[in-house]
PDB file of N, CA and C in Angstrom:
ATOM      1  N   MET A   1     -27.877  62.973  34.628  1.00  0.00           N
ATOM      2  CA  MET A   1     -27.033  63.523  35.500  1.00  0.00           C
ATOM      3  C   MET A   1     -27.560  62.848  36.900  1.00  0.00           C
ATOM      4  N   LYS A   2     -28.927  62.718  37.017  1.00  0.00           N
ATOM      5  CA  LYS A   2     -29.179  62.233  38.476  1.00  0.00           C
ATOM      6  C   LYS A   2     -28.950  60.570  38.533  1.00  0.00           C
ATOM      7  N   GLY A   3     -28.854  59.934  37.312  1.00  0.00           N
ATOM      8  CA  GLY A   3     -28.363  58.456  37.601  1.00  0.00           C
ATOM      9  C   GLY A   3     -27.097  58.496  38.060  1.00  0.00           C
ATOM     10  N   ILE A   4     -26.304  59.191  37.691  1.00  0.00           N
ATOM     11  CA  ILE A   4     -24.502  59.175  38.101  1.00  0.00           C
ATOM     12  C   ILE A   4     -24.673  59.318  39.739  1.00  0.00           C
ATOM     13  N   ILE A   5     -25.475  60.466  40.063  1.00  0.00           N
ATOM     14  CA  ILE A   5     -25.311  60.779  41.480  1.00  0.00           C
ATOM     15  C   ILE A   5     -26.071  59.810  42.322  1.00  0.00           C
ATOM     16  N   ASN A   6     -27.114  59.291  41.631  1.00  0.00           N
ATOM     17  CA  ASN A   6     -27.937  58.011  42.502  1.00  0.00           C
ATOM     18  C   ASN A   6     -26.862  56.720  42.538  1.00  0.00           C
ATOM     19  N   ARG A   7     -26.187  56.416  41.440  1.00  0.00           N
ATOM     20  CA  ARG A   7     -25.451  55.409  41.535  1.00  0.00           C
ATOM     21  C   ARG A   7     -24.255  55.549  42.604  1.00  0.00           C
ATOM     22  N   ALA A   8     -23.755  56.831  42.728  1.00  0.00           N
ATOM     23  CA  ALA A   8     -22.732  57.082  43.525  1.00  0.00           C
ATOM     24  C   ALA A   8     -23.131  57.038  45.168  1.00  0.00           C
ATOM     25  N   ASN A   9     -24.345  57.228  45.292  1.00  0.00           N
ATOM     26  CA  ASN A   9     -24.996  57.473  46.601  1.00  0.00           C
ATOM     27  C   ASN A   9     -24.570  56.232  47.326  1.00  0.00           C
ATOM     28  N   GLY A  10     -24.023  56.278  48.588  1.00  0.00           N
ATOM     29  CA  GLY A  10     -23.546  55.191  49.588  1.00  0.00           C
ATOM     30  C   GLY A  10     -22.526  54.444  48.995  1.00  0.00           C
ATOM     31  N   THR A  11     -21.702  54.946  48.165  1.00  0.00           N
ATOM     32  CA  THR A  11     -20.548  54.187  47.844  1.00  0.00           C
ATOM     33  C   THR A  11     -19.318  54.974  48.165  1.00  0.00           C
ATOM     34  N   ASP A  12     -18.161  54.266  47.696  1.00  0.00           N
ATOM     35  CA  ASP A  12     -16.915  55.158  47.935  1.00  0.00           C
ATOM     36  C   ASP A  12     -16.548  55.787  46.538  1.00  0.00           C
ATOM     37  N   GLN A  13     -17.318  55.846  45.407  1.00  0.00           N
ATOM     38  CA  GLN A  13     -17.123  56.536  44.240  1.00  0.00           C
ATOM     39  C   GLN A  13     -17.245  57.942  44.330  1.00  0.00           C
ATOM     40  N   ARG A  14     -16.120  58.690  43.800  1.00  0.00           N
ATOM     41  CA  ARG A  14     -16.096  60.113  44.002  1.00  0.00           C
ATOM     42  C   ARG A  14     -16.704  60.767  42.520  1.00  0.00           C
ATOM     43  N   LEU A  15     -17.182  61.769  42.742  1.00  0.00           N
ATOM     44  CA  LEU A  15     -17.691  62.420  41.547  1.00  0.00           C
ATOM     45  C   LEU A  15     -17.121  63.987  41.391  1.00  0.00           C
ATOM     46  N   GLU A  16     -16.753  64.167  40.189  1.00  0.00           N
ATOM     47  CA  GLU A  16     -16.175  65.353  39.869  1.00  0.00           C
ATOM     48  C   GLU A  16     -17.355  66.207  39.345  1.00  0.00           C
ATOM     49  N   LEU A  17     -17.619  67.581  40.010  1.00  0.00           N
ATOM     50  CA  LEU A  17     -18.544  68.142  39.331  1.00  0.00           C
ATOM     51  C   LEU A  17     -18.378  69.824  38.910  1.00  0.00           C
ATOM     52  N   ILE A  18     -19.092  70.420  38.273  1.00  0.00           N
ATOM     53  CA  ILE A  18     -19.098  71.793  37.796  1.00  0.00           C
ATOM     54  C   ILE A  18     -20.085  72.441  38.573  1.00  0.00           C
ATOM     55  N   TYR A  19     -20.094  73.422  39.571  1.00  0.00           N
ATOM     56  CA  TYR A  19     -21.095  73.858  40.223  1.00  0.00           C
ATOM     57  C   TYR A  19     -21.005  75.430  40.192  1.00  0.00           C
ATOM     58  N   MET A  20     -22.213  76.006  40.106  1.00  0.00           N
ATOM     59  CA  MET A  20     -22.474  77.360  40.099  1.00  0.00           C
ATOM     60  C   MET A  20     -22.995  77.799  41.572  1.00  0.00           C
ATOM     61  N   ASN A  21     -22.473  78.568  42.190  1.00  0.00           N
ATOM     62  CA  ASN A  21     -23.191  78.991  43.626  1.00  0.00           C
ATOM     63  C   ASN A  21     -24.160  79.961  43.627  1.00  0.00           C
ATOM     64  N   ASN A  22     -24.620  80.515  44.579  1.00  0.00           N
ATOM     65  CA  ASN A  22     -25.551  81.653  44.335  1.00  0.00           C
ATOM     66  C   ASN A  22     -25.332  82.727  43.970  1.00  0.00           C
ATOM     67  N   ASP A  23     -23.830  83.046  43.857  1.00  0.00           N
ATOM     68  CA  ASP A  23     -23.533  84.287  43.313  1.00  0.00           C
ATOM     69  C   ASP A  23     -22.854  84.152  42.112  1.00  0.00           C
ATOM     70  N   ASN A  24     -23.438  83.130  41.368  1.00  0.00           N
ATOM     71  CA  ASN A  24     -23.082  82.600  40.083  1.00  0.00           C
ATOM     72  C   ASN A  24     -21.494  82.652  39.684  1.00  0.00           C
ATOM     73  N   GLN A  25     -20.851  82.178  40.791  1.00  0.00           N
ATOM     74  CA  GLN A  25     -19.396  81.711  40.633  1.00  0.00           C
ATOM     75  C   GLN A  25     -19.282  80.204  40.409  1.00  0.00           C
ATOM     76  N   ILE A  26     -18.492  80.008  39.495  1.00  0.00           N
ATOM     77  CA  ILE A  26     -18.423  78.525  38.956  1.00  0.00           C
ATOM     78  C   ILE A  26     -17.067  78.044  39.499  1.00  0.00           C
ATOM     79  N   SER A  27     -17.322  76.829  40.071  1.00  0.00           N
ATOM     80  CA  SER A  27     -16.245  76.013  40.673  1.00  0.00           C
ATOM     81  C   SER A  27     -16.191  74.631  40.307  1.00  0.00           C
ATOM     82  N   GLN A  28     -15.118  73.811  40.470  1.00  0.00           N
ATOM     83  CA  GLN A  28     -14.965  72.171  40.184  1.00  0.00           C
ATOM     84  C   GLN A  28     -14.821  71.904  41.631  1.00  0.00           C
ATOM     85  N   ARG A  29     -15.620  70.817  41.832  1.00  0.00           N
ATOM     86  CA  ARG A  29     -15.607  70.219  43.167  1.00  0.00           C
ATOM     87  C   ARG A  29     -15.299  68.549  43.037  1.00  0.00           C
ATOM     88  N   ILE A  30     -14.725  67.954  43.982  1.00  0.00           N
ATOM     89  CA  ILE A  30     -14.410  66.520  43.853  1.00  0.00           C
ATOM     90  C   ILE A  30     -15.359  66.087  45.346  1.00  0.00           C
ATOM     91  N   ILE A  31     -16.320  65.255  44.984  1.00  0.00           N
ATOM     92  CA  ILE A  31     -17.127  65.010  46.091  1.00  0.00           C
ATOM     93  C   ILE A  31     -17.585  63.512  46.516  1.00  0.00           C
ATOM     94  N   LYS A  32     -17.928  63.195  47.766  1.00  0.00           N
ATOM     95  CA  LYS A  32     -18.374  61.969  47.892  1.00  0.00           C
ATOM     96  C   LYS A  32     -19.891  62.016  48.433  1.00  0.00           C
ATOM     97  N   VAL A  33     -20.838  61.275  47.647  1.00  0.00           N
ATOM     98  CA  VAL A  33     -22.273  61.477  47.750  1.00  0.00           C
ATOM     99  C   VAL A  33     -22.593  60.756  49.078  1.00  0.00           C
ATOM    100  N   LEU A  34     -23.088  61.539  50.036  1.00  0.00           N
ATOM    101  CA  LEU A  34     -23.682  60.823  51.525  1.00  0.00           C
ATOM    102  C   LEU A  34     -25.305  60.649  51.216  1.00  0.00           C
ATOM    103  N   ALA A  35     -26.120  61.438  50.695  1.00  0.00           N
ATOM    104  CA  ALA A  35     -27.509  61.591  50.777  1.00  0.00           C
ATOM    105  C   ALA A  35     -28.032  62.406  49.409  1.00  0.00           C
ATOM    106  N   VAL A  36     -29.132  61.846  48.922  1.00  0.00           N
ATOM    107  CA  VAL A  36     -29.862  62.734  47.696  1.00  0.00           C
ATOM    108  C   VAL A  36     -31.080  62.871  48.037  1.00  0.00           C
ATOM    109  N   THR A  37     -31.818  64.088  47.866  1.00  0.00           N
ATOM    110  CA  THR A  37     -32.919  64.349  48.073  1.00  0.00           C
ATOM    111  C   THR A  37     -33.581  64.917  46.584  1.00  0.00           C
ATOM    112  N   ASP A  38     -34.837  65.620  46.674  1.00  0.00           N
ATOM    113  CA  ASP A  38     -35.359  65.759  45.132  1.00  0.00           C
ATOM    114  C   ASP A  38     -34.643  67.037  44.688  1.00  0.00           C
ATOM    115  N   GLN A  39     -34.136  68.021  45.484  1.00  0.00           N
ATOM    116  CA  GLN A  39     -33.555  69.288  45.284  1.00  0.00           C
ATOM    117  C   GLN A  39     -32.221  69.419  45.628  1.00  0.00           C
ATOM    118  N   SER A  40     -31.326  68.440  46.182  1.00  0.00           N
ATOM    119  CA  SER A  40     -30.109  68.724  46.705  1.00  0.00           C
ATOM    120  C   SER A  40     -29.421  67.438  47.023  1.00  0.00           C
ATOM    121  N   ILE A  41     -27.851  67.386  47.166  1.00  0.00           N
ATOM    122  CA  ILE A  41     -27.079  66.384  47.449  1.00  0.00           C
ATOM    123  C   ILE A  41     -26.530  66.855  48.839  1.00  0.00           C
ATOM    124  N   LYS A  42     -26.451  65.783  49.577  1.00  0.00           N
ATOM    125  CA  LYS A  42     -25.463  66.133  50.880  1.00  0.00           C
ATOM    126  C   LYS A  42     -24.231  65.338  50.486  1.00  0.00           C
ATOM    127  N   ALA A  43     -22.919  66.064  50.694  1.00  0.00           N
ATOM    128  CA  ALA A  43     -21.723  65.373  50.405  1.00  0.00           C
ATOM    129  C   ALA A  43     -20.705  65.762  50.994  1.00  0.00           C
ATOM    130  N   TYR A  44     -19.711  64.881  51.065  1.00  0.00           N
ATOM    131  CA  TYR A  44     -18.161  65.476  51.701  1.00  0.00           C
ATOM    132  C   TYR A  44     -17.453  66.000  50.164  1.00  0.00           C
ATOM    133  N   CYS A  45     -17.047  67.181  50.357  1.00  0.00           N
ATOM    134  CA  CYS A  45     -16.411  67.855  49.425  1.00  0.00           C
ATOM    135  C   CYS A  45     -14.900  67.871  49.925  1.00  0.00           C
ATOM    136  N   TYR A  46     -14.016  67.122  48.807  1.00  0.00           N
ATOM    137  CA  TYR A  46     -12.620  67.052  49.168  1.00  0.00           C
ATOM    138  C   TYR A  46     -12.008  68.109  48.677  1.00  0.00           C
ATOM    139  N   THR A  47     -12.545  68.983  47.952  1.00  0.00           N
ATOM    140  CA  THR A  47     -12.249  70.328  47.501  1.00  0.00           C
ATOM    141  C   THR A  47     -11.975  71.240  48.841  1.00  0.00           C
ATOM    142  N   LYS A  48     -12.998  71.349  49.348  1.00  0.00           N
ATOM    143  CA  LYS A  48     -13.231  72.428  50.506  1.00  0.00           C
ATOM    144  C   LYS A  48     -12.856  71.658  52.011  1.00  0.00           C
ATOM    145  N   GLN A  49     -12.928  70.324  51.900  1.00  0.00           N
ATOM    146  CA  GLN A  49     -12.387  69.396  53.018  1.00  0.00           C
ATOM    147  C   GLN A  49     -13.574  69.839  54.070  1.00  0.00           C
ATOM    148  N   GLN A  50     -14.954  69.716  53.671  1.00  0.00           N
ATOM    149  CA  GLN A  50     -16.036  69.844  54.628  1.00  0.00           C
ATOM    150  C   GLN A  50     -17.199  69.387  54.048  1.00  0.00           C
ATOM    151  N   PHE A  51     -18.146  68.948  55.043  1.00  0.00           N
ATOM    152  CA  PHE A  51     -19.207  68.420  54.513  1.00  0.00           C
ATOM    153  C   PHE A  51     -20.169  69.667  53.777  1.00  0.00           C
ATOM    154  N   ARG A  52     -20.796  69.349  52.597  1.00  0.00           N
ATOM    155  CA  ARG A  52     -21.750  70.385  51.761  1.00  0.00           C
ATOM    156  C   ARG A  52     -22.930  70.010  51.266  1.00  0.00           C
ATOM    157  N   THR A  53     -23.713  71.072  51.266  1.00  0.00           N
ATOM    158  CA  THR A  53     -25.185  70.695  50.427  1.00  0.00           C
ATOM    159  C   THR A  53     -24.974  71.315  49.254  1.00  0.00           C
ATOM    160  N   PHE A  54     -25.197  70.669  48.024  1.00  0.00           N
ATOM    161  CA  PHE A  54     -25.190  71.180  46.713  1.00  0.00           C
ATOM    162  C   PHE A  54     -26.715  71.179  46.349  1.00  0.00           C
ATOM    163  N   LYS A  55     -27.095  72.507  45.598  1.00  0.00           N
ATOM    164  CA  LYS A  55     -28.286  72.352  44.883  1.00  0.00           C
ATOM    165  C   LYS A  55     -28.199  71.550  43.717  1.00  0.00           C
ATOM    166  N   LEU A  56     -29.064  70.780  43.377  1.00  0.00           N
ATOM    167  CA  LEU A  56     -29.244  69.933  42.228  1.00  0.00           C
ATOM    168  C   LEU A  56     -29.212  71.084  40.902  1.00  0.00           C
ATOM    169  N   GLU A  57     -30.179  71.985  41.070  1.00  0.00           N
ATOM    170  CA  GLU A  57     -30.437  73.049  39.853  1.00  0.00           C
ATOM    171  C   GLU A  57     -28.990  73.739  39.541  1.00  0.00           C
ATOM    172  N   ASN A  58     -28.182  73.802  40.646  1.00  0.00           N
ATOM    173  CA  ASN A  58     -26.925  74.518  40.261  1.00  0.00           C
ATOM    174  C   ASN A  58     -25.657  73.976  39.737  1.00  0.00           C
ATOM    175  N   ILE A  59     -25.992  72.324  39.430  1.00  0.00           N
ATOM    176  CA  ILE A  59     -25.081  71.325  39.152  1.00  0.00           C
ATOM    177  C   ILE A  59     -24.927  71.613  37.552  1.00  0.00           C
ATOM    178  N   LEU A  60     -23.856  72.295  37.194  1.00  0.00           N
ATOM    179  CA  LEU A  60     -23.740  72.295  35.665  1.00  0.00           C
ATOM    180  C   LEU A  60     -23.417  71.010  34.918  1.00  0.00           C
ATOM    181  N   SER A  61     -22.352  70.143  35.432  1.00  0.00           N
ATOM    182  CA  SER A  61     -22.121  68.914  34.998  1.00  0.00           C
ATOM    183  C   SER A  61     -21.471  68.193  36.041  1.00  0.00           C
ATOM    184  N   VAL A  62     -21.787  66.627  35.805  1.00  0.00           N
ATOM    185  CA  VAL A  62     -21.023  65.658  36.718  1.00  0.00           C
ATOM    186  C   VAL A  62     -20.629  64.539  36.183  1.00  0.00           C
ATOM    187  N   ALA A  63     -19.631  63.974  36.611  1.00  0.00           N
ATOM    188  CA  ALA A  63     -18.791  62.835  35.917  1.00  0.00           C
ATOM    189  C   ALA A  63     -18.194  62.102  37.107  1.00  0.00           C
ATOM    190  N   PRO A  64     -17.793  60.759  37.016  1.00  0.00           N
ATOM    191  CA  PRO A  64     -17.138  59.957  37.854  1.00  0.00           C
ATOM    192  C   PRO A  64     -15.814  60.758  38.006  1.00  0.00           C
ATOM    193  N   PHE A  65     -15.072  60.620  39.062  1.00  0.00           N
ATOM    194  CA  PHE A  65     -13.770  61.048  39.299  1.00  0.00           C
ATOM    195  C   PHE A  65     -12.647  60.146  38.760  1.00  0.00           C
ATOM    196  N   ARG A  66     -11.973  60.692  38.117  1.00  0.00           N
ATOM    197  CA  ARG A  66     -10.581  59.677  37.796  1.00  0.00           C
ATOM    198  C   ARG A  66      -9.549  60.532  38.122  1.00  0.00           C
ATOM    199  N   SER A  67      -8.643  59.817  39.150  1.00  0.00           N
ATOM    200  CA  SER A  67      -7.523  60.785  39.393  1.00  0.00           C
ATOM    201  C   SER A  67      -6.544  60.725  38.478  1.00  0.00           C
ATOM    202  N   ARG A  68      -5.743  61.861  38.236  1.00  0.00           N
ATOM    203  CA  ARG A  68      -4.823  62.080  37.419  1.00  0.00           C
ATOM    204  C   ARG A  68      -3.557  61.860  37.926  1.00  0.00           C
ATOM    205  N   ARG A  69      -3.104  60.480  37.493  1.00  0.00           N
ATOM    206  CA  ARG A  69      -1.862  60.076  38.055  1.00  0.00           C
ATOM    207  C   ARG A  69      -0.878  60.282  36.739  1.00  0.00           C
ATOM    208  N   SER A  70       0.360  60.695  37.260  1.00  0.00           N
ATOM    209  CA  SER A  70       1.449  61.055  36.315  1.00  0.00           C
ATOM    210  C   SER A  70       2.161  59.724  36.095  1.00  0.00           C
ATOM    211  N   ALA A  71       2.517  59.281  35.001  1.00  0.00           N
ATOM    212  CA  ALA A  71       3.278  57.998  34.626  1.00  0.00           C
ATOM    213  C   ALA A  71       4.680  58.027  35.197  1.00  0.00           C
TER     214      ALA A  71
END
């Protein structure tokens, strides 16, 4: 998981993550990673249209974002 996040750091690659907040609510987010620390990610969240900090321990899954274009 951390490898995907580190590779996206400082690039234009968007990631799709499943995140559980402190109230145990699960959400799906599309983000652009801006900085990575040992415990968190600073990112722009396209879902909320805001800069956010995500705790690594609360990320349930992460994958490169693939836009869902209709044919």
